Amino acid sequence: MTAVYGLVRETRNPAAAMNALRDKAAGQPGQGSRENSPSATGAVITWDPDDLPGALNRLLTAHPRHFSNPEEVPARPIPFRMHLLDADVPKPIQLHPRPDQALAGYVREQTRGVPLNAGNRNYKDRYAKFEVAVALTPLRVLSGERSREELRAIADGVDLPWLRALLTFRHEMPVHALLRMEPSETARALRETRAAMAGVAETDGPAADAAAVFRRLEPLFPGDRGILIAICMNLLKLEPGQAMVTPAGCLHSYLSGQALVVMGLSDNALKAGLTTDYVDVAELQQVLDNGQPGPAPLEVERIDECQEHIPLWSEDLDLRRTVIHGGTASIPLERFTVVLAALGEAMVSVGDVSTYLEQGASMLYLGDPTTADVEGSAQLFSASRE
């Protein structure tokens, strides 16, 4: 392998990893080291996608011999975050603004002098954010708003007076009205919903979904209007290995399950419910003025017996899932690639550098396109930028 940019490895215990490298170089076994621990070739640093430029600068300074053309490393070589999500407690209902909304909102708040770390700051940067989730376990996701027909079926099937009343206003969708509700109106609607859901016996259809959502959220977020908003949202049910995309401008929340999530680097998120954080009702009303895009399942393409391809939001980005059961496989690496062990553990070898990935750990590769050999029992995800 001809390394153009070098190899960076993340570890849960970087100090121990560096000690292992020094012990190996000195011919000592090293305390607590694993068989086939990382070789002395390459570099081990701590890194965070939010601080990737800083991490690369520190790496360039500390290990200049690993980089033949450091000036060619772009400021944002990895334009995404990839992490494991556990919805043991449902996540806040939120949306990420569209590109035009993000730019306008950022400029507006900068002009007003709102500090970036202020609790009422909505736009931390000028970027939009897409979000792709791949289910690791059965995954339930709230995303976008149901059609009027489905909402009417829920209002009539469950007998929800507040929802039936909101549907009489054709100039706006119910979520807009819910955001404007006074606390007393929200409390009354929740009481009506609690009484109505107690009698729902259906196991399938919009009414059954609404009842399941209410029963999941009401004990965890008592009195939160986000429960009413959630009843009006689409409920997507993904089985392990299935994937979906949440576009910018779409309200969403992870209701239950575990997933691998890949998203853009933006920190812009407008909260709408299931949270004690600041909710800017006026800004949400404006952002949602033209409606929401709908959630979209993604077609997972089988590559071979071990690998699948999952499309992302840009043609220069690639996401793959590799599943091995005590065997071996090869993973293609582009110039900038992150490999994450979502389940299990594996040894990843690139040239003469081997990296042990425990569950939840990840490796960042920067170099010429090549192939990594993996061995173990694991479900690995590799996200690349060409």
Protein backbone atom coordinates (compact mmCIF):
# COMPACT_ATOMS: atom_id res chain seq x y z
CA MET A 1 0.00 0.00 0.00
CA THR A 2 1.25 3.46 -0.89
CA ALA A 3 -0.01 5.74 1.85
CA VAL A 4 -0.85 9.21 0.63
CA TYR A 5 -2.41 10.45 3.86
CA GLY A 6 -1.67 7.70 6.34
CA LEU A 7 -3.73 5.58 8.72
CA VAL A 8 -5.53 6.76 11.83
CA ARG A 9 -7.05 4.38 14.36
CA GLU A 10 -9.48 5.18 17.14
CA THR A 11 -9.32 3.17 20.31
CA ARG A 12 -11.38 3.11 23.51
CA ASN A 13 -8.11 3.29 25.47
CA PRO A 14 -5.58 5.23 23.38
CA ALA A 15 -3.01 5.44 26.19
CA ALA A 16 -2.94 1.65 26.55
CA ALA A 17 -2.68 1.27 22.78
CA MET A 18 0.28 3.64 22.62
CA ASN A 19 1.95 1.76 25.50
CA ALA A 20 1.41 -1.48 23.61
CA LEU A 21 3.13 0.01 20.57
CA ARG A 22 6.08 1.20 22.64
CA ASP A 23 6.34 -2.18 24.41
CA LYS A 24 6.26 -3.98 21.08
CA ALA A 25 8.96 -1.74 19.67
CA ALA A 26 11.07 -2.44 22.78
CA GLY A 27 10.50 -6.20 22.49
CA GLN A 28 8.29 -6.39 25.60
CA PRO A 29 4.90 -8.10 25.65
CA GLY A 30 3.06 -5.15 27.24
CA GLN A 31 0.60 -5.43 30.10
CA GLY A 32 -2.91 -6.41 29.11
CA SER A 33 -2.05 -6.50 25.40
CA ARG A 34 -3.94 -8.81 23.06
CA GLU A 35 -2.41 -11.32 20.73
CA ASN A 36 -2.11 -9.65 17.32
CA SER A 37 -2.17 -6.19 18.91
CA PRO A 38 -1.63 -3.27 16.48
CA SER A 39 1.85 -3.22 14.94
CA ALA A 40 4.20 -0.29 15.40
CA THR A 41 3.59 0.79 11.81
CA GLY A 42 0.99 3.54 11.58
CA ALA A 43 -0.24 5.89 14.27
CA VAL A 44 -2.80 5.70 17.05
CA ILE A 45 -4.58 8.90 18.05
CA THR A 46 -7.88 9.82 19.65
CA TRP A 47 -10.27 11.44 17.21
CA ASP A 48 -13.76 12.82 17.14
CA PRO A 49 -15.69 13.56 13.92
CA ASP A 50 -16.53 16.99 15.36
CA ASP A 51 -12.82 17.73 15.75
CA LEU A 52 -11.43 15.85 12.78
CA PRO A 53 -9.46 18.79 11.30
CA GLY A 54 -7.81 19.38 14.68
CA ALA A 55 -7.08 15.68 15.11
CA LEU A 56 -5.47 15.50 11.68
CA ASN A 57 -3.35 18.56 12.40
CA ARG A 58 -2.12 16.96 15.62
CA LEU A 59 -1.37 13.74 13.75
CA LEU A 60 0.54 15.58 11.03
CA THR A 61 2.63 17.34 13.66
CA ALA A 62 3.33 14.24 15.74
CA HIS A 63 3.85 11.74 12.89
CA PRO A 64 4.95 13.65 9.76
CA ARG A 65 6.65 10.55 8.28
CA HIS A 66 3.26 8.91 7.69
CA PHE A 67 2.09 11.66 5.33
CA SER A 68 3.70 12.28 1.96
CA ASN A 69 1.32 15.07 0.86
CA PRO A 70 -0.19 16.62 3.99
CA GLU A 71 -1.17 19.78 2.13
CA GLU A 72 -3.67 17.72 0.12
CA VAL A 73 -5.76 16.74 3.14
CA PRO A 74 -9.04 18.71 2.85
CA ALA A 75 -10.44 20.60 5.81
CA ARG A 76 -13.48 18.27 6.03
CA PRO A 77 -12.26 14.93 4.61
CA ILE A 78 -15.07 12.97 6.29
CA PRO A 79 -18.31 14.95 5.66
CA PHE A 80 -20.44 12.71 7.87
CA ARG A 81 -20.84 11.27 11.35
CA MET A 82 -21.44 7.57 11.92
CA HIS A 83 -22.51 6.27 15.31
CA LEU A 84 -24.61 3.66 17.10
CA LEU A 85 -28.02 4.78 18.36
CA ASP A 86 -29.93 3.15 21.20
CA ALA A 87 -33.53 4.34 21.60
CA ASP A 88 -34.01 2.73 24.99
CA VAL A 89 -35.48 6.14 25.80
CA PRO A 90 -37.10 7.72 22.71
CA LYS A 91 -35.20 10.63 21.22
CA PRO A 92 -36.66 14.17 21.04
CA ILE A 93 -38.89 14.97 18.09
CA GLN A 94 -36.82 17.30 15.95
CA LEU A 95 -36.04 18.34 12.41
CA HIS A 96 -32.94 19.43 10.55
CA PRO A 97 -33.54 22.46 8.30
CA ARG A 98 -33.20 22.43 4.52
CA PRO A 99 -30.12 24.11 2.94
CA ASP A 100 -31.88 27.43 2.27
CA GLN A 101 -33.42 27.49 5.75
CA ALA A 102 -30.12 26.64 7.44
CA LEU A 103 -28.22 29.40 5.64
CA ALA A 104 -30.91 32.03 6.26
CA GLY A 105 -31.31 31.02 9.91
CA TYR A 106 -27.57 31.03 10.58
CA VAL A 107 -27.08 34.47 9.04
CA ARG A 108 -30.11 35.82 10.90
CA GLU A 109 -28.91 34.60 14.32
CA GLN A 110 -25.35 35.74 13.67
CA THR A 111 -26.64 39.20 12.77
CA ARG A 112 -28.71 39.30 15.95
CA GLY A 113 -25.61 38.35 17.96
CA VAL A 114 -27.07 35.16 19.47
CA PRO A 115 -24.12 33.24 21.01
CA LEU A 116 -23.43 29.86 19.40
CA ASN A 117 -23.74 28.13 22.77
CA ALA A 118 -26.93 29.92 23.81
CA GLY A 119 -29.86 27.72 24.81
CA ASN A 120 -32.16 29.55 22.37
CA ARG A 121 -29.76 29.22 19.42
CA ASN A 122 -31.36 27.18 16.60
CA TYR A 123 -28.70 27.36 13.88
CA LYS A 124 -25.16 26.44 14.91
CA ASP A 125 -23.92 26.40 11.30
CA ARG A 126 -25.15 27.05 7.76
CA TYR A 127 -25.56 23.43 6.66
CA ALA A 128 -28.48 21.08 6.12
CA LYS A 129 -28.37 17.50 7.39
CA PHE A 130 -29.66 14.24 5.99
CA GLU A 131 -29.86 11.14 8.16
CA VAL A 132 -29.69 7.46 7.18
CA ALA A 133 -30.51 4.73 9.69
CA VAL A 134 -29.86 1.00 9.34
CA ALA A 135 -31.70 -1.20 11.84
CA LEU A 136 -29.57 -3.46 14.06
CA THR A 137 -32.63 -4.70 15.98
CA PRO A 138 -36.34 -4.19 15.25
CA LEU A 139 -36.47 -0.39 14.93
CA ARG A 140 -39.47 1.93 15.27
CA VAL A 141 -39.12 5.44 13.86
CA LEU A 142 -41.51 8.39 13.86
CA SER A 143 -40.95 10.40 10.70
CA GLY A 144 -43.01 13.02 8.87
CA GLU A 145 -46.72 13.68 9.25
CA ARG A 146 -49.50 11.25 8.37
CA SER A 147 -51.93 12.10 5.57
CA ARG A 148 -55.27 13.68 6.42
CA GLU A 149 -56.98 10.42 5.52
CA GLU A 150 -54.91 8.44 8.01
CA LEU A 151 -55.35 11.08 10.70
CA ARG A 152 -59.10 11.05 10.15
CA ALA A 153 -59.09 7.26 10.51
CA ILE A 154 -57.29 7.64 13.84
CA ALA A 155 -59.60 10.41 15.06
CA ASP A 156 -62.72 8.40 14.24
CA GLY A 157 -61.39 4.95 15.10
CA VAL A 158 -60.03 5.94 18.52
CA ASP A 159 -62.47 8.82 19.14
CA LEU A 160 -60.11 11.75 19.62
CA PRO A 161 -62.15 14.99 19.69
CA TRP A 162 -59.06 17.22 19.63
CA LEU A 163 -57.72 15.59 16.47
CA ARG A 164 -61.12 15.62 14.78
CA ALA A 165 -61.39 19.35 15.53
CA LEU A 166 -57.91 20.12 14.15
CA LEU A 167 -58.72 18.30 10.91
CA THR A 168 -61.58 20.72 10.21
CA PHE A 169 -59.02 23.46 9.52
CA ARG A 170 -57.87 22.87 5.96
CA HIS A 171 -55.41 25.76 5.84
CA GLU A 172 -52.89 23.95 8.04
CA MET A 173 -51.90 20.49 9.19
CA PRO A 174 -52.55 19.42 12.81
CA VAL A 175 -48.89 19.66 13.85
CA HIS A 176 -48.98 23.44 13.28
CA ALA A 177 -51.98 23.80 15.58
CA LEU A 178 -50.48 21.48 18.20
CA LEU A 179 -47.40 23.69 18.42
CA ARG A 180 -49.62 26.68 19.25
CA MET A 181 -51.71 24.92 21.90
CA GLU A 182 -51.88 26.51 25.33
CA PRO A 183 -50.79 24.25 28.22
CA SER A 184 -54.41 23.86 29.36
CA GLU A 185 -55.45 22.73 25.86
CA THR A 186 -52.56 20.26 25.73
CA ALA A 187 -53.52 18.83 29.13
CA ARG A 188 -57.15 18.39 28.04
CA ALA A 189 -56.13 16.70 24.79
CA LEU A 190 -53.85 14.32 26.67
CA ARG A 191 -56.66 13.41 29.07
CA GLU A 192 -58.96 12.69 26.11
CA THR A 193 -56.25 10.58 24.51
CA ARG A 194 -55.54 8.60 27.67
CA ALA A 195 -59.21 7.72 28.06
CA ALA A 196 -59.60 6.82 24.38
CA MET A 197 -56.47 4.67 24.13
CA ALA A 198 -57.54 2.52 27.07
CA GLY A 199 -60.24 0.99 24.90
CA VAL A 200 -58.14 0.29 21.78
CA ALA A 201 -57.89 -3.44 21.17
CA GLU A 202 -56.79 -3.42 17.51
CA THR A 203 -53.34 -4.78 16.72
CA ASP A 204 -52.97 -3.45 13.19
CA GLY A 205 -53.68 -0.23 11.31
CA PRO A 206 -53.32 3.52 12.09
CA ALA A 207 -55.44 3.36 15.27
CA ALA A 208 -53.36 0.49 16.68
CA ASP A 209 -50.14 2.35 15.80
CA ALA A 210 -51.40 5.50 17.51
CA ALA A 211 -52.26 3.52 20.63
CA ALA A 212 -48.83 1.86 20.67
CA VAL A 213 -47.10 5.24 20.31
CA PHE A 214 -49.15 6.75 23.15
CA ARG A 215 -48.51 3.79 25.48
CA ARG A 216 -44.79 3.98 24.77
CA LEU A 217 -44.45 7.73 25.37
CA GLU A 218 -47.00 8.69 28.01
CA PRO A 219 -45.18 7.11 31.01
CA LEU A 220 -41.85 8.62 29.92
CA PHE A 221 -42.98 12.14 28.97
CA PRO A 222 -46.10 12.93 31.00
CA GLY A 223 -47.76 16.18 29.95
CA ASP A 224 -45.51 16.65 26.89
CA ARG A 225 -47.28 17.92 23.76
CA GLY A 226 -44.78 15.86 21.81
CA ILE A 227 -47.03 12.87 22.56
CA LEU A 228 -49.82 14.49 20.55
CA ILE A 229 -47.41 15.37 17.75
CA ALA A 230 -46.13 11.79 17.72
CA ILE A 231 -49.67 10.42 17.24
CA CYS A 232 -49.86 12.53 14.05
CA MET A 233 -46.57 11.18 12.66
CA ASN A 234 -45.83 8.23 10.40
CA LEU A 235 -44.66 5.13 12.28
CA LEU A 236 -42.02 3.19 10.33
CA LYS A 237 -41.15 -0.35 11.36
CA LEU A 238 -37.75 -1.60 10.22
CA GLU A 239 -36.39 -5.11 10.66
CA PRO A 240 -32.64 -5.73 11.16
CA GLY A 241 -30.74 -4.84 8.00
CA GLN A 242 -33.44 -2.55 6.59
CA ALA A 243 -32.63 1.13 6.06
CA MET A 244 -34.37 4.47 5.69
CA VAL A 245 -33.48 8.11 5.03
CA THR A 246 -34.83 11.10 6.91
CA PRO A 247 -34.58 14.13 4.61
CA ALA A 248 -33.91 17.66 5.81
CA GLY A 249 -37.09 19.43 6.90
CA CYS A 250 -38.73 16.25 8.23
CA LEU A 251 -39.79 15.86 11.88
CA HIS A 252 -38.51 12.58 13.29
CA SER A 253 -37.77 10.61 16.44
CA TYR A 254 -36.42 7.14 17.16
CA LEU A 255 -39.09 5.42 19.23
CA SER A 256 -37.38 2.12 20.08
CA GLY A 257 -34.63 -0.21 18.94
CA GLN A 258 -30.98 0.10 17.95
CA ALA A 259 -29.53 1.40 14.69
CA LEU A 260 -26.42 2.47 12.88
CA VAL A 261 -26.91 6.13 11.92
CA VAL A 262 -24.96 8.10 9.31
CA MET A 263 -25.65 11.84 9.11
CA GLY A 264 -24.18 15.08 7.84
CA LEU A 265 -21.87 17.16 10.03
CA SER A 266 -24.39 19.93 10.78
CA ASP A 267 -25.45 20.55 14.39
CA ASN A 268 -28.69 22.28 13.39
CA ALA A 269 -31.72 20.68 15.05
CA LEU A 270 -35.03 22.31 15.93
CA LYS A 271 -36.73 20.45 18.80
CA ALA A 272 -40.52 20.06 18.73
CA GLY A 273 -41.36 17.72 21.60
CA LEU A 274 -40.36 14.91 23.98
CA THR A 275 -37.76 17.22 25.46
CA THR A 276 -37.17 19.76 28.21
CA ASP A 277 -34.92 21.77 25.87
CA TYR A 278 -35.88 25.06 24.27
CA VAL A 279 -38.63 24.79 21.63
CA ASP A 280 -38.85 27.74 19.24
CA VAL A 281 -42.48 27.48 18.17
CA ALA A 282 -42.35 30.47 15.83
CA GLU A 283 -39.29 29.14 13.99
CA LEU A 284 -40.80 25.66 13.70
CA GLN A 285 -43.99 27.15 12.25
CA GLN A 286 -41.96 29.01 9.65
CA VAL A 287 -39.76 26.03 8.75
CA LEU A 288 -42.82 23.75 8.44
CA ASP A 289 -44.85 26.33 6.51
CA ASN A 290 -44.58 24.49 3.18
CA GLY A 291 -45.13 21.02 4.63
CA GLN A 292 -42.71 18.18 5.27
CA PRO A 293 -41.00 15.75 2.92
CA GLY A 294 -41.91 12.16 3.63
CA PRO A 295 -39.57 9.49 4.99
CA ALA A 296 -38.23 7.05 2.45
CA PRO A 297 -37.16 3.41 2.85
CA LEU A 298 -33.84 2.69 1.16
CA GLU A 299 -33.21 -0.28 -1.09
CA VAL A 300 -30.37 -2.40 0.27
CA GLU A 301 -28.33 -3.97 -2.54
CA ARG A 302 -26.71 -7.35 -1.98
CA ILE A 303 -23.07 -7.34 -3.20
CA ASP A 304 -21.99 -10.83 -2.14
CA GLU A 305 -22.69 -13.32 0.65
CA CYS A 306 -21.07 -11.02 3.23
CA GLN A 307 -21.70 -7.48 2.01
CA GLU A 308 -24.58 -5.12 1.23
CA HIS A 309 -24.58 -1.61 -0.21
CA ILE A 310 -26.80 1.12 1.27
CA PRO A 311 -27.18 4.40 -0.66
CA LEU A 312 -26.42 7.71 1.04
CA TRP A 313 -27.46 11.25 0.10
CA SER A 314 -24.53 12.01 -2.21
CA GLU A 315 -23.02 10.02 -5.08
CA ASP A 316 -19.48 10.44 -3.73
CA LEU A 317 -20.45 8.75 -0.44
CA ASP A 318 -20.70 4.99 0.02
CA LEU A 319 -22.04 2.89 2.89
CA ARG A 320 -21.55 -0.87 3.20
CA ARG A 321 -22.57 -3.47 5.76
CA THR A 322 -20.31 -6.50 6.17
CA VAL A 323 -21.43 -9.48 8.26
CA ILE A 324 -18.98 -12.25 9.17
CA HIS A 325 -19.55 -15.25 11.44
CA GLY A 326 -16.14 -16.45 12.55
CA GLY A 327 -14.74 -16.04 9.05
CA THR A 328 -13.00 -13.49 6.85
CA ALA A 329 -13.99 -10.87 4.30
CA SER A 330 -12.52 -7.97 2.36
CA ILE A 331 -13.74 -4.38 2.62
CA PRO A 332 -12.87 -1.82 -0.07
CA LEU A 333 -11.39 1.39 1.33
CA GLU A 334 -11.61 4.68 -0.51
CA ARG A 335 -9.36 7.67 0.21
CA PHE A 336 -11.39 8.54 3.32
CA THR A 337 -13.17 5.66 5.07
CA VAL A 338 -14.57 5.02 8.55
CA VAL A 339 -15.05 1.38 9.62
CA LEU A 340 -17.23 0.79 12.70
CA ALA A 341 -17.94 -2.46 14.54
CA ALA A 342 -21.67 -2.27 15.27
CA LEU A 343 -21.98 -5.77 16.71
CA GLY A 344 -19.28 -8.25 17.72
CA GLU A 345 -15.56 -7.71 17.26
CA ALA A 346 -13.05 -8.10 14.44
CA MET A 347 -9.44 -7.64 13.45
CA VAL A 348 -9.04 -5.23 10.53
CA SER A 349 -5.78 -5.37 8.56
CA VAL A 350 -4.62 -2.79 6.02
CA GLY A 351 -1.23 -3.66 4.61
CA ASP A 352 1.05 -4.28 7.60
CA VAL A 353 -1.19 -2.47 10.08
CA SER A 354 -3.73 -4.52 12.05
CA THR A 355 -6.38 -2.91 14.24
CA TYR A 356 -8.63 -4.71 16.71
CA LEU A 357 -12.15 -3.26 16.74
CA GLU A 358 -14.31 -4.10 19.73
CA GLN A 359 -18.04 -3.47 19.57
CA GLY A 360 -18.65 0.25 19.18
CA ALA A 361 -15.06 1.09 18.18
CA SER A 362 -14.15 2.52 14.79
CA MET A 363 -11.18 3.02 12.51
CA LEU A 364 -10.48 5.97 10.22
CA TYR A 365 -8.52 5.25 7.06
CA LEU A 366 -6.94 8.00 4.98
CA GLY A 367 -4.92 6.84 2.00
CA ASP A 368 -4.89 5.49 -1.52
CA PRO A 369 -7.88 3.27 -2.40
CA THR A 370 -7.11 -0.25 -1.18
CA THR A 371 -8.68 -3.23 0.56
CA ALA A 372 -8.92 -4.13 4.24
CA ASP A 373 -9.02 -7.76 5.35
CA VAL A 374 -11.35 -8.42 8.30
CA GLU A 375 -11.56 -11.50 10.51
CA GLY A 376 -13.86 -12.36 13.41
CA SER A 377 -17.56 -12.46 14.21
CA ALA A 378 -19.02 -9.02 13.67
CA GLN A 379 -21.36 -6.71 11.83
CA LEU A 380 -19.18 -3.95 10.38
CA PHE A 381 -20.20 -0.74 8.63
CA SER A 382 -17.82 1.14 6.34
CA ALA A 383 -18.67 4.63 5.13
CA SER A 384 -16.42 6.17 2.49
CA ARG A 385 -15.87 9.37 0.61
CA GLU A 386 -14.30 8.86 -2.78
